[in-house]
């Protein structure tokens, strides 16, 4: 004698799955647009150099305090600019990973920039 399962068990409702996937995709697109529009600021050496960028990694401004400029030590200024830039990029990437991770439940989805 075969045991029968009530209707719907064992077979996923493909339409429901597609609706759920579309909803997740729409939420991810909206969140991506929000993240790209957000602004992030990173700095180095006590804000001697500050970099401001948006979520698309586009630099909006670089601020260098006059006391950071030493004509005899250009390398230090270059290092400060690089450090401030890298700190800002890390903020952008961390924010994107955290927000997208909330939507995907921690799944690593290819092509999602995570």
PDB file of N, CA and C in Angstrom:
ATOM      1  N   UNK A   1       0.842  -1.173   0.000  1.00  0.00           N
ATOM      2  CA  UNK A   1       0.000   0.000   0.000  1.00  0.00           C
ATOM      3  C   UNK A   1       0.891   1.242   0.000  1.00  0.00           C
ATOM      4  N   UNK A   2       0.627   2.173  -0.897  1.00  0.00           N
ATOM      5  CA  UNK A   2       1.403   3.399  -1.001  1.00  0.00           C
ATOM      6  C   UNK A   2       0.844   4.457  -0.072  1.00  0.00           C
ATOM      7  N   UNK A   3       1.779   5.131   0.601  1.00  0.00           N
ATOM      8  CA  UNK A   3       1.355   6.256   1.430  1.00  0.00           C
ATOM      9  C   UNK A   3       1.251   7.480   0.534  1.00  0.00           C
ATOM     10  N   UNK A   4       0.178   8.195   0.675  1.00  0.00           N
ATOM     11  CA  UNK A   4      -0.017   9.390  -0.132  1.00  0.00           C
ATOM     12  C   UNK A   4       0.191  10.625   0.722  1.00  0.00           C
ATOM     13  N   UNK A   5       0.858  11.584   0.117  1.00  0.00           N
ATOM     14  CA  UNK A   5       1.069  12.858   0.805  1.00  0.00           C
ATOM     15  C   UNK A   5      -0.012  13.823   0.351  1.00  0.00           C
ATOM     16  N   UNK A   6      -0.451  14.675   1.250  1.00  0.00           N
ATOM     17  CA  UNK A   6      -1.439  15.679   0.838  1.00  0.00           C
ATOM     18  C   UNK A   6      -0.899  16.522  -0.319  1.00  0.00           C
ATOM     19  N   UNK A   7      -1.799  17.035  -1.111  1.00  0.00           N
ATOM     20  CA  UNK A   7      -1.427  17.836  -2.283  1.00  0.00           C
ATOM     21  C   UNK A   7      -0.464  18.965  -1.950  1.00  0.00           C
ATOM     22  N   UNK A   8       0.515  19.172  -2.825  1.00  0.00           N
ATOM     23  CA  UNK A   8       1.461  20.258  -2.656  1.00  0.00           C
ATOM     24  C   UNK A   8       2.740  19.863  -1.942  1.00  0.00           C
ATOM     25  N   UNK A   9       2.719  18.751  -1.228  1.00  0.00           N
ATOM     26  CA  UNK A   9       3.924  18.332  -0.517  1.00  0.00           C
ATOM     27  C   UNK A   9       4.887  17.643  -1.482  1.00  0.00           C
ATOM     28  N   UNK A  10       6.155  17.963  -1.338  1.00  0.00           N
ATOM     29  CA  UNK A  10       7.154  17.315  -2.174  1.00  0.00           C
ATOM     30  C   UNK A  10       7.415  18.036  -3.482  1.00  0.00           C
ATOM     31  N   UNK A  11       6.477  18.848  -3.904  1.00  0.00           N
ATOM     32  CA  UNK A  11       6.659  19.598  -5.141  1.00  0.00           C
ATOM     33  C   UNK A  11       6.558  21.083  -4.834  1.00  0.00           C
ATOM     34  N   UNK A  12       7.620  21.817  -5.112  1.00  0.00           N
ATOM     35  CA  UNK A  12       7.546  23.256  -4.845  1.00  0.00           C
ATOM     36  C   UNK A  12       6.618  23.943  -5.839  1.00  0.00           C
ATOM     37  N   UNK A  13       5.946  24.967  -5.387  1.00  0.00           N
ATOM     38  CA  UNK A  13       5.107  25.782  -6.249  1.00  0.00           C
ATOM     39  C   UNK A  13       6.036  26.712  -7.020  1.00  0.00           C
ATOM     40  N   UNK A  14       6.279  26.411  -8.282  1.00  0.00           N
ATOM     41  CA  UNK A  14       7.248  27.166  -9.086  1.00  0.00           C
ATOM     42  C   UNK A  14       6.833  28.624  -9.238  1.00  0.00           C
ATOM     43  N   UNK A  15       5.544  28.882  -9.356  1.00  0.00           N
ATOM     44  CA  UNK A  15       5.099  30.269  -9.475  1.00  0.00           C
ATOM     45  C   UNK A  15       5.421  31.058  -8.210  1.00  0.00           C
ATOM     46  N   UNK A  16       5.223  30.433  -7.056  1.00  0.00           N
ATOM     47  CA  UNK A  16       5.533  31.103  -5.791  1.00  0.00           C
ATOM     48  C   UNK A  16       7.034  31.345  -5.677  1.00  0.00           C
ATOM     49  N   UNK A  17       7.828  30.371  -6.100  1.00  0.00           N
ATOM     50  CA  UNK A  17       9.287  30.532  -6.066  1.00  0.00           C
ATOM     51  C   UNK A  17       9.733  31.658  -6.987  1.00  0.00           C
ATOM     52  N   UNK A  18       9.154  31.730  -8.162  1.00  0.00           N
ATOM     53  CA  UNK A  18       9.506  32.795  -9.108  1.00  0.00           C
ATOM     54  C   UNK A  18       9.096  34.170  -8.576  1.00  0.00           C
ATOM     55  N   UNK A  19       7.916  34.245  -7.949  1.00  0.00           N
ATOM     56  CA  UNK A  19       7.486  35.519  -7.356  1.00  0.00           C
ATOM     57  C   UNK A  19       8.436  35.936  -6.236  1.00  0.00           C
ATOM     58  N   UNK A  20       8.825  34.961  -5.416  1.00  0.00           N
ATOM     59  CA  UNK A  20       9.746  35.252  -4.313  1.00  0.00           C
ATOM     60  C   UNK A  20      11.107  35.705  -4.851  1.00  0.00           C
ATOM     61  N   UNK A  21      11.602  35.049  -5.887  1.00  0.00           N
ATOM     62  CA  UNK A  21      12.887  35.428  -6.484  1.00  0.00           C
ATOM     63  C   UNK A  21      12.801  36.822  -7.096  1.00  0.00           C
ATOM     64  N   UNK A  22      11.694  37.140  -7.763  1.00  0.00           N
ATOM     65  CA  UNK A  22      11.509  38.461  -8.363  1.00  0.00           C
ATOM     66  C   UNK A  22      11.458  39.531  -7.279  1.00  0.00           C
ATOM     67  N   UNK A  23      10.773  39.228  -6.177  1.00  0.00           N
ATOM     68  CA  UNK A  23      10.691  40.178  -5.066  1.00  0.00           C
ATOM     69  C   UNK A  23      12.074  40.443  -4.491  1.00  0.00           C
ATOM     70  N   UNK A  24      12.850  39.370  -4.313  1.00  0.00           N
ATOM     71  CA  UNK A  24      14.211  39.526  -3.777  1.00  0.00           C
ATOM     72  C   UNK A  24      15.067  40.348  -4.734  1.00  0.00           C
ATOM     73  N   UNK A  25      14.926  40.088  -6.026  1.00  0.00           N
ATOM     74  CA  UNK A  25      15.693  40.833  -7.021  1.00  0.00           C
ATOM     75  C   UNK A  25      15.323  42.318  -6.993  1.00  0.00           C
ATOM     76  N   UNK A  26      14.037  42.615  -6.875  1.00  0.00           N
ATOM     77  CA  UNK A  26      13.588  44.012  -6.807  1.00  0.00           C
ATOM     78  C   UNK A  26      14.130  44.696  -5.562  1.00  0.00           C
ATOM     79  N   UNK A  27      14.083  43.994  -4.421  1.00  0.00           N
ATOM     80  CA  UNK A  27      14.615  44.554  -3.174  1.00  0.00           C
ATOM     81  C   UNK A  27      16.118  44.810  -3.283  1.00  0.00           C
ATOM     82  N   UNK A  28      16.826  43.894  -3.936  1.00  0.00           N
ATOM     83  CA  UNK A  28      18.273  44.048  -4.090  1.00  0.00           C
ATOM     84  C   UNK A  28      18.600  45.231  -4.995  1.00  0.00           C
ATOM     85  N   UNK A  29      17.836  45.410  -6.064  1.00  0.00           N
ATOM     86  CA  UNK A  29      18.060  46.554  -6.953  1.00  0.00           C
ATOM     87  C   UNK A  29      17.826  47.865  -6.222  1.00  0.00           C
ATOM     88  N   UNK A  30      16.752  47.911  -5.416  1.00  0.00           N
ATOM     89  CA  UNK A  30      16.453  49.122  -4.663  1.00  0.00           C
ATOM     90  C   UNK A  30      17.552  49.402  -3.646  1.00  0.00           C
ATOM     91  N   UNK A  31      18.018  48.369  -2.967  1.00  0.00           N
ATOM     92  CA  UNK A  31      19.069  48.540  -1.969  1.00  0.00           C
ATOM     93  C   UNK A  31      20.373  48.960  -2.645  1.00  0.00           C
ATOM     94  N   UNK A  32      20.666  48.397  -3.816  1.00  0.00           N
ATOM     95  CA  UNK A  32      21.885  48.760  -4.546  1.00  0.00           C
ATOM     96  C   UNK A  32      21.840  50.235  -4.932  1.00  0.00           C
ATOM     97  N   UNK A  33      20.693  50.702  -5.395  1.00  0.00           N
ATOM     98  CA  UNK A  33      20.560  52.119  -5.750  1.00  0.00           C
ATOM     99  C   UNK A  33      20.747  53.004  -4.518  1.00  0.00           C
ATOM    100  N   UNK A  34      20.187  52.566  -3.401  1.00  0.00           N
ATOM    101  CA  UNK A  34      20.344  53.324  -2.147  1.00  0.00           C
ATOM    102  C   UNK A  34      21.812  53.382  -1.726  1.00  0.00           C
ATOM    103  N   UNK A  35      22.494  52.247  -1.824  1.00  0.00           N
ATOM    104  CA  UNK A  35      23.911  52.202  -1.446  1.00  0.00           C
ATOM    105  C   UNK A  35      24.761  53.058  -2.374  1.00  0.00           C
ATOM    106  N   UNK A  36      24.457  53.048  -3.660  1.00  0.00           N
ATOM    107  CA  UNK A  36      25.229  53.844  -4.614  1.00  0.00           C
ATOM    108  C   UNK A  36      25.050  55.338  -4.380  1.00  0.00           C
ATOM    109  N   UNK A  37      23.883  55.737  -3.902  1.00  0.00           N
ATOM    110  CA  UNK A  37      23.621  57.157  -3.664  1.00  0.00           C
ATOM    111  C   UNK A  37      24.205  57.643  -2.331  1.00  0.00           C
ATOM    112  N   UNK A  38      24.472  56.718  -1.427  1.00  0.00           N
ATOM    113  CA  UNK A  38      24.999  57.096  -0.112  1.00  0.00           C
ATOM    114  C   UNK A  38      26.416  57.646  -0.243  1.00  0.00           C
ATOM    115  N   UNK A  39      26.791  58.493   0.711  1.00  0.00           N
ATOM    116  CA  UNK A  39      28.144  59.052   0.728  1.00  0.00           C
ATOM    117  C   UNK A  39      28.896  58.518   1.936  1.00  0.00           C
ATOM    118  N   UNK A  40      30.183  58.287   1.747  1.00  0.00           N
ATOM    119  CA  UNK A  40      31.053  57.725   2.776  1.00  0.00           C
ATOM    120  C   UNK A  40      32.292  58.599   2.899  1.00  0.00           C
ATOM    121  N   UNK A  41      32.805  58.686   4.111  1.00  0.00           N
ATOM    122  CA  UNK A  41      33.995  59.495   4.355  1.00  0.00           C
ATOM    123  C   UNK A  41      35.016  58.673   5.113  1.00  0.00           C
ATOM    124  N   UNK A  42      36.242  58.708   4.626  1.00  0.00           N
ATOM    125  CA  UNK A  42      37.351  58.050   5.305  1.00  0.00           C
ATOM    126  C   UNK A  42      38.480  59.040   5.475  1.00  0.00           C
ATOM    127  N   UNK A  43      39.283  58.810   6.493  1.00  0.00           N
ATOM    128  CA  UNK A  43      40.372  59.752   6.733  1.00  0.00           C
ATOM    129  C   UNK A  43      41.604  59.003   7.214  1.00  0.00           C
ATOM    130  N   UNK A  44      42.703  59.751   7.259  1.00  0.00           N
ATOM    131  CA  UNK A  44      43.968  59.200   7.723  1.00  0.00           C
ATOM    132  C   UNK A  44      44.645  60.205   8.626  1.00  0.00           C
ATOM    133  N   UNK A  45      45.374  59.685   9.555  1.00  0.00           N
ATOM    134  CA  UNK A  45      46.207  60.494  10.452  1.00  0.00           C
ATOM    135  C   UNK A  45      45.427  61.627  11.112  1.00  0.00           C
ATOM    136  N   UNK A  46      44.363  61.229  11.835  1.00  0.00           N
ATOM    137  CA  UNK A  46      43.589  62.233  12.552  1.00  0.00           C
ATOM    138  C   UNK A  46      42.914  63.240  11.656  1.00  0.00           C
ATOM    139  N   UNK A  47      42.412  62.792  10.530  1.00  0.00           N
ATOM    140  CA  UNK A  47      41.700  63.622   9.552  1.00  0.00           C
ATOM    141  C   UNK A  47      42.585  64.664   8.877  1.00  0.00           C
ATOM    142  N   UNK A  48      43.881  64.392   8.824  1.00  0.00           N
ATOM    143  CA  UNK A  48      44.776  65.272   8.060  1.00  0.00           C
ATOM    144  C   UNK A  48      44.408  65.209   6.578  1.00  0.00           C
ATOM    145  N   UNK A  49      44.002  64.010   6.142  1.00  0.00           N
ATOM    146  CA  UNK A  49      43.526  63.816   4.770  1.00  0.00           C
ATOM    147  C   UNK A  49      42.182  63.110   4.872  1.00  0.00           C
ATOM    148  N   UNK A  50      41.191  63.648   4.172  1.00  0.00           N
ATOM    149  CA  UNK A  50      39.849  63.080   4.192  1.00  0.00           C
ATOM    150  C   UNK A  50      39.384  62.869   2.753  1.00  0.00           C
ATOM    151  N   UNK A  51      38.796  61.700   2.517  1.00  0.00           N
ATOM    152  CA  UNK A  51      38.252  61.366   1.197  1.00  0.00           C
ATOM    153  C   UNK A  51      36.765  61.106   1.365  1.00  0.00           C
ATOM    154  N   UNK A  52      35.975  61.703   0.468  1.00  0.00           N
ATOM    155  CA  UNK A  52      34.527  61.482   0.460  1.00  0.00           C
ATOM    156  C   UNK A  52      34.182  60.862  -0.883  1.00  0.00           C
ATOM    157  N   UNK A  53      33.410  59.759  -0.846  1.00  0.00           N
ATOM    158  CA  UNK A  53      33.015  59.094  -2.091  1.00  0.00           C
ATOM    159  C   UNK A  53      31.604  58.560  -1.957  1.00  0.00           C
ATOM    160  N   UNK A  54      31.034  58.224  -3.102  1.00  0.00           N
ATOM    161  CA  UNK A  54      29.704  57.632  -3.081  1.00  0.00           C
ATOM    162  C   UNK A  54      29.815  56.112  -3.158  1.00  0.00           C
ATOM    163  N   UNK A  55      28.675  55.458  -3.137  1.00  0.00           N
ATOM    164  CA  UNK A  55      28.648  53.996  -3.142  1.00  0.00           C
ATOM    165  C   UNK A  55      29.075  53.365  -4.451  1.00  0.00           C
ATOM    166  N   UNK A  56      29.285  54.171  -5.475  1.00  0.00           N
ATOM    167  CA  UNK A  56      29.798  53.660  -6.752  1.00  0.00           C
ATOM    168  C   UNK A  56      31.315  53.780  -6.819  1.00  0.00           C
ATOM    169  N   UNK A  57      31.925  54.087  -5.688  1.00  0.00           N
ATOM    170  CA  UNK A  57      33.376  54.260  -5.580  1.00  0.00           C
ATOM    171  C   UNK A  57      33.884  55.464  -6.374  1.00  0.00           C
ATOM    172  N   UNK A  58      33.028  56.445  -6.582  1.00  0.00           N
ATOM    173  CA  UNK A  58      33.437  57.674  -7.250  1.00  0.00           C
ATOM    174  C   UNK A  58      33.859  58.679  -6.182  1.00  0.00           C
ATOM    175  N   UNK A  59      35.064  59.211  -6.313  1.00  0.00           N
ATOM    176  CA  UNK A  59      35.562  60.181  -5.341  1.00  0.00           C
ATOM    177  C   UNK A  59      34.842  61.503  -5.556  1.00  0.00           C
ATOM    178  N   UNK A  60      34.241  62.008  -4.482  1.00  0.00           N
ATOM    179  CA  UNK A  60      33.515  63.270  -4.537  1.00  0.00           C
ATOM    180  C   UNK A  60      34.398  64.434  -4.111  1.00  0.00           C
ATOM    181  N   UNK A  61      35.274  64.178  -3.140  1.00  0.00           N
ATOM    182  CA  UNK A  61      36.186  65.232  -2.718  1.00  0.00           C
ATOM    183  C   UNK A  61      37.357  64.640  -1.943  1.00  0.00           C
ATOM    184  N   UNK A  62      38.455  65.379  -1.959  1.00  0.00           N
ATOM    185  CA  UNK A  62      39.641  65.064  -1.166  1.00  0.00           C
ATOM    186  C   UNK A  62      40.005  66.352  -0.440  1.00  0.00           C
ATOM    187  N   UNK A  63      40.111  66.262   0.890  1.00  0.00           N
ATOM    188  CA  UNK A  63      40.476  67.422   1.695  1.00  0.00           C
ATOM    189  C   UNK A  63      41.809  67.148   2.371  1.00  0.00           C
ATOM    190  N   UNK A  64      42.735  68.075   2.210  1.00  0.00           N
ATOM    191  CA  UNK A  64      44.067  67.940   2.811  1.00  0.00           C
ATOM    192  C   UNK A  64      44.313  69.169   3.668  1.00  0.00           C
ATOM    193  N   UNK A  65      44.548  68.926   4.951  1.00  0.00           N
ATOM    194  CA  UNK A  65      44.839  70.054   5.847  1.00  0.00           C
ATOM    195  C   UNK A  65      46.230  70.597   5.530  1.00  0.00           C
ATOM    196  N   UNK A  66      46.404  71.898   5.615  1.00  0.00           N
ATOM    197  CA  UNK A  66      47.697  72.512   5.274  1.00  0.00           C
ATOM    198  C   UNK A  66      48.878  71.919   6.054  1.00  0.00           C
ATOM    199  N   UNK A  67      48.649  71.560   7.298  1.00  0.00           N
ATOM    200  CA  UNK A  67      49.752  71.007   8.085  1.00  0.00           C
ATOM    201  C   UNK A  67      50.189  69.619   7.626  1.00  0.00           C
ATOM    202  N   UNK A  68      49.404  68.997   6.742  1.00  0.00           N
ATOM    203  CA  UNK A  68      49.797  67.700   6.193  1.00  0.00           C
ATOM    204  C   UNK A  68      50.763  67.863   5.024  1.00  0.00           C
ATOM    205  N   UNK A  69      50.900  69.077   4.530  1.00  0.00           N
ATOM    206  CA  UNK A  69      51.733  69.335   3.363  1.00  0.00           C
ATOM    207  C   UNK A  69      53.130  69.772   3.807  1.00  0.00           C
ATOM    208  N   UNK A  70      54.069  68.897   3.563  1.00  0.00           N
ATOM    209  CA  UNK A  70      55.473  69.198   3.856  1.00  0.00           C
ATOM    210  C   UNK A  70      56.232  69.001   2.548  1.00  0.00           C
ATOM    211  N   UNK A  71      56.680  70.074   1.927  1.00  0.00           N
ATOM    212  CA  UNK A  71      57.361  69.957   0.632  1.00  0.00           C
ATOM    213  C   UNK A  71      58.575  69.021   0.672  1.00  0.00           C
ATOM    214  N   UNK A  72      59.138  68.837   1.850  1.00  0.00           N
ATOM    215  CA  UNK A  72      60.292  67.954   1.963  1.00  0.00           C
ATOM    216  C   UNK A  72      59.903  66.491   2.173  1.00  0.00           C
ATOM    217  N   UNK A  73      58.587  66.231   2.354  1.00  0.00           N
ATOM    218  CA  UNK A  73      58.149  64.851   2.599  1.00  0.00           C
ATOM    219  C   UNK A  73      56.858  64.561   1.834  1.00  0.00           C
ATOM    220  N   UNK A  74      56.946  64.628   0.530  1.00  0.00           N
ATOM    221  CA  UNK A  74      55.794  64.365  -0.341  1.00  0.00           C
ATOM    222  C   UNK A  74      55.310  62.926  -0.174  1.00  0.00           C
ATOM    223  N   UNK A  75      56.215  62.003   0.079  1.00  0.00           N
ATOM    224  CA  UNK A  75      55.831  60.596   0.230  1.00  0.00           C
ATOM    225  C   UNK A  75      54.844  60.412   1.376  1.00  0.00           C
ATOM    226  N   UNK A  76      55.017  61.145   2.468  1.00  0.00           N
ATOM    227  CA  UNK A  76      54.087  61.025   3.588  1.00  0.00           C
ATOM    228  C   UNK A  76      52.687  61.458   3.156  1.00  0.00           C
ATOM    229  N   UNK A  77      52.583  62.544   2.426  1.00  0.00           N
ATOM    230  CA  UNK A  77      51.284  63.006   1.944  1.00  0.00           C
ATOM    231  C   UNK A  77      50.658  61.982   1.003  1.00  0.00           C
ATOM    232  N   UNK A  78      51.460  61.414   0.131  1.00  0.00           N
ATOM    233  CA  UNK A  78      50.957  60.379  -0.770  1.00  0.00           C
ATOM    234  C   UNK A  78      50.421  59.191   0.021  1.00  0.00           C
ATOM    235  N   UNK A  79      51.144  58.795   1.066  1.00  0.00           N
ATOM    236  CA  UNK A  79      50.703  57.680   1.909  1.00  0.00           C
ATOM    237  C   UNK A  79      49.395  58.011   2.623  1.00  0.00           C
ATOM    238  N   UNK A  80      49.260  59.252   3.082  1.00  0.00           N
ATOM    239  CA  UNK A  80      48.037  59.668   3.770  1.00  0.00           C
ATOM    240  C   UNK A  80      46.836  59.645   2.815  1.00  0.00           C
ATOM    241  N   UNK A  81      47.042  60.119   1.605  1.00  0.00           N
ATOM    242  CA  UNK A  81      45.957  60.108   0.616  1.00  0.00           C
ATOM    243  C   UNK A  81      45.550  58.672   0.312  1.00  0.00           C
ATOM    244  N   UNK A  82      46.523  57.810   0.108  1.00  0.00           N
ATOM    245  CA  UNK A  82      46.226  56.395  -0.178  1.00  0.00           C
ATOM    246  C   UNK A  82      45.490  55.752   1.000  1.00  0.00           C
ATOM    247  N   UNK A  83      45.928  56.022   2.214  1.00  0.00           N
ATOM    248  CA  UNK A  83      45.291  55.440   3.402  1.00  0.00           C
ATOM    249  C   UNK A  83      43.854  55.937   3.553  1.00  0.00           C
ATOM    250  N   UNK A  84      43.627  57.210   3.329  1.00  0.00           N
ATOM    251  CA  UNK A  84      42.273  57.760   3.427  1.00  0.00           C
ATOM    252  C   UNK A  84      41.373  57.166   2.346  1.00  0.00           C
ATOM    253  N   UNK A  85      41.893  57.054   1.147  1.00  0.00           N
ATOM    254  CA  UNK A  85      41.133  56.455   0.049  1.00  0.00           C
ATOM    255  C   UNK A  85      40.765  55.008   0.383  1.00  0.00           C
ATOM    256  N   UNK A  86      41.743  54.231   0.845  1.00  0.00           N
ATOM    257  CA  UNK A  86      41.490  52.825   1.178  1.00  0.00           C
ATOM    258  C   UNK A  86      40.495  52.683   2.324  1.00  0.00           C
ATOM    259  N   UNK A  87      40.563  53.573   3.312  1.00  0.00           N
ATOM    260  CA  UNK A  87      39.610  53.531   4.422  1.00  0.00           C
ATOM    261  C   UNK A  87      38.191  53.788   3.928  1.00  0.00           C
ATOM    262  N   UNK A  88      38.046  54.693   2.983  1.00  0.00           N
ATOM    263  CA  UNK A  88      36.724  55.009   2.446  1.00  0.00           C
ATOM    264  C   UNK A  88      36.195  53.856   1.595  1.00  0.00           C
ATOM    265  N   UNK A  89      37.038  53.278   0.768  1.00  0.00           N
ATOM    266  CA  UNK A  89      36.629  52.130  -0.050  1.00  0.00           C
ATOM    267  C   UNK A  89      36.167  50.991   0.855  1.00  0.00           C
ATOM    268  N   UNK A  90      36.874  50.768   1.941  1.00  0.00           N
ATOM    269  CA  UNK A  90      36.489  49.707   2.881  1.00  0.00           C
ATOM    270  C   UNK A  90      35.111  49.995   3.466  1.00  0.00           C
ATOM    271  N   UNK A  91      34.821  51.244   3.797  1.00  0.00           N
ATOM    272  CA  UNK A  91      33.497  51.593   4.321  1.00  0.00           C
ATOM    273  C   UNK A  91      32.408  51.291   3.296  1.00  0.00           C
ATOM    274  N   UNK A  92      32.650  51.670   2.046  1.00  0.00           N
ATOM    275  CA  UNK A  92      31.673  51.416   0.981  1.00  0.00           C
ATOM    276  C   UNK A  92      31.437  49.916   0.838  1.00  0.00           C
ATOM    277  N   UNK A  93      32.507  49.146   0.761  1.00  0.00           N
ATOM    278  CA  UNK A  93      32.390  47.698   0.579  1.00  0.00           C
ATOM    279  C   UNK A  93      31.733  47.016   1.778  1.00  0.00           C
ATOM    280  N   UNK A  94      32.097  47.437   2.990  1.00  0.00           N
ATOM    281  CA  UNK A  94      31.506  46.852   4.192  1.00  0.00           C
ATOM    282  C   UNK A  94      30.016  47.149   4.267  1.00  0.00           C
ATOM    283  N   UNK A  95      29.630  48.369   3.923  1.00  0.00           N
ATOM    284  CA  UNK A  95      28.212  48.732   3.941  1.00  0.00           C
ATOM    285  C   UNK A  95      27.431  47.908   2.920  1.00  0.00           C
ATOM    286  N   UNK A  96      27.990  47.752   1.732  1.00  0.00           N
ATOM    287  CA  UNK A  96      27.319  46.966   0.692  1.00  0.00           C
ATOM    288  C   UNK A  96      27.185  45.511   1.117  1.00  0.00           C
ATOM    289  N   UNK A  97      28.238  44.933   1.661  1.00  0.00           N
ATOM    290  CA  UNK A  97      28.189  43.535   2.095  1.00  0.00           C
ATOM    291  C   UNK A  97      27.175  43.337   3.211  1.00  0.00           C
ATOM    292  N   UNK A  98      27.158  44.244   4.170  1.00  0.00           N
ATOM    293  CA  UNK A  98      26.232  44.119   5.294  1.00  0.00           C
ATOM    294  C   UNK A  98      24.782  44.234   4.837  1.00  0.00           C
ATOM    295  N   UNK A  99      24.489  45.229   4.012  1.00  0.00           N
ATOM    296  CA  UNK A  99      23.110  45.451   3.580  1.00  0.00           C
ATOM    297  C   UNK A  99      22.632  44.352   2.636  1.00  0.00           C
ATOM    298  N   UNK A 100      23.461  43.948   1.706  1.00  0.00           N
ATOM    299  CA  UNK A 100      23.058  42.885   0.785  1.00  0.00           C
ATOM    300  C   UNK A 100      22.970  41.551   1.515  1.00  0.00           C
ATOM    301  N   UNK A 101      23.835  41.357   2.498  1.00  0.00           N
ATOM    302  CA  UNK A 101      23.778  40.133   3.298  1.00  0.00           C
ATOM    303  C   UNK A 101      22.450  40.002   4.029  1.00  0.00           C
ATOM    304  N   UNK A 102      21.885  41.119   4.460  1.00  0.00           N
ATOM    305  CA  UNK A 102      20.571  41.102   5.116  1.00  0.00           C
ATOM    306  C   UNK A 102      19.497  40.594   4.159  1.00  0.00           C
ATOM    307  N   UNK A 103      19.601  41.005   2.907  1.00  0.00           N
ATOM    308  CA  UNK A 103      18.591  40.611   1.918  1.00  0.00           C
ATOM    309  C   UNK A 103      18.738  39.165   1.472  1.00  0.00           C
ATOM    310  N   UNK A 104      19.979  38.707   1.364  1.00  0.00           N
ATOM    311  CA  UNK A 104      20.210  37.355   0.843  1.00  0.00           C
ATOM    312  C   UNK A 104      20.325  36.309   1.930  1.00  0.00           C
ATOM    313  N   UNK A 105      20.240  36.747   3.180  1.00  0.00           N
ATOM    314  CA  UNK A 105      20.350  35.791   4.272  1.00  0.00           C
ATOM    315  C   UNK A 105      21.742  35.199   4.384  1.00  0.00           C
ATOM    316  N   UNK A 106      22.747  35.935   3.902  1.00  0.00           N
ATOM    317  CA  UNK A 106      24.131  35.482   3.990  1.00  0.00           C
ATOM    318  C   UNK A 106      24.557  34.598   2.823  1.00  0.00           C
ATOM    319  N   UNK A 107      23.633  34.321   1.891  1.00  0.00           N
ATOM    320  CA  UNK A 107      24.024  33.517   0.727  1.00  0.00           C
ATOM    321  C   UNK A 107      24.978  34.330  -0.137  1.00  0.00           C
ATOM    322  N   UNK A 108      25.983  33.673  -0.653  1.00  0.00           N
ATOM    323  CA  UNK A 108      26.922  34.342  -1.543  1.00  0.00           C
ATOM    324  C   UNK A 108      26.427  34.158  -2.972  1.00  0.00           C
ATOM    325  N   UNK A 109      25.719  35.168  -3.478  1.00  0.00           N
ATOM    326  CA  UNK A 109      25.144  35.082  -4.814  1.00  0.00           C
ATOM    327  C   UNK A 109      26.101  35.674  -5.836  1.00  0.00           C
ATOM    328  N   UNK A 110      26.461  34.929  -6.858  1.00  0.00           N
ATOM    329  CA  UNK A 110      27.364  35.460  -7.880  1.00  0.00           C
ATOM    330  C   UNK A 110      26.765  36.674  -8.578  1.00  0.00           C
ATOM    331  N   UNK A 111      27.639  37.622  -8.896  1.00  0.00           N
ATOM    332  CA  UNK A 111      27.198  38.795  -9.626  1.00  0.00           C
ATOM    333  C   UNK A 111      26.544  39.859  -8.764  1.00  0.00           C
ATOM    334  N   UNK A 112      26.527  39.670  -7.464  1.00  0.00           N
ATOM    335  CA  UNK A 112      25.875  40.625  -6.587  1.00  0.00           C
ATOM    336  C   UNK A 112      26.877  41.548  -5.906  1.00  0.00           C
ATOM    337  N   UNK A 113      28.146  41.442  -6.240  1.00  0.00           N
ATOM    338  CA  UNK A 113      29.127  42.338  -5.689  1.00  0.00           C
ATOM    339  C   UNK A 113      29.410  42.106  -4.223  1.00  0.00           C
ATOM    340  N   UNK A 114      29.162  40.906  -3.762  1.00  0.00           N
ATOM    341  CA  UNK A 114      29.397  40.608  -2.351  1.00  0.00           C
ATOM    342  C   UNK A 114      30.676  39.855  -2.144  1.00  0.00           C
TER     343      UNK A 114
END
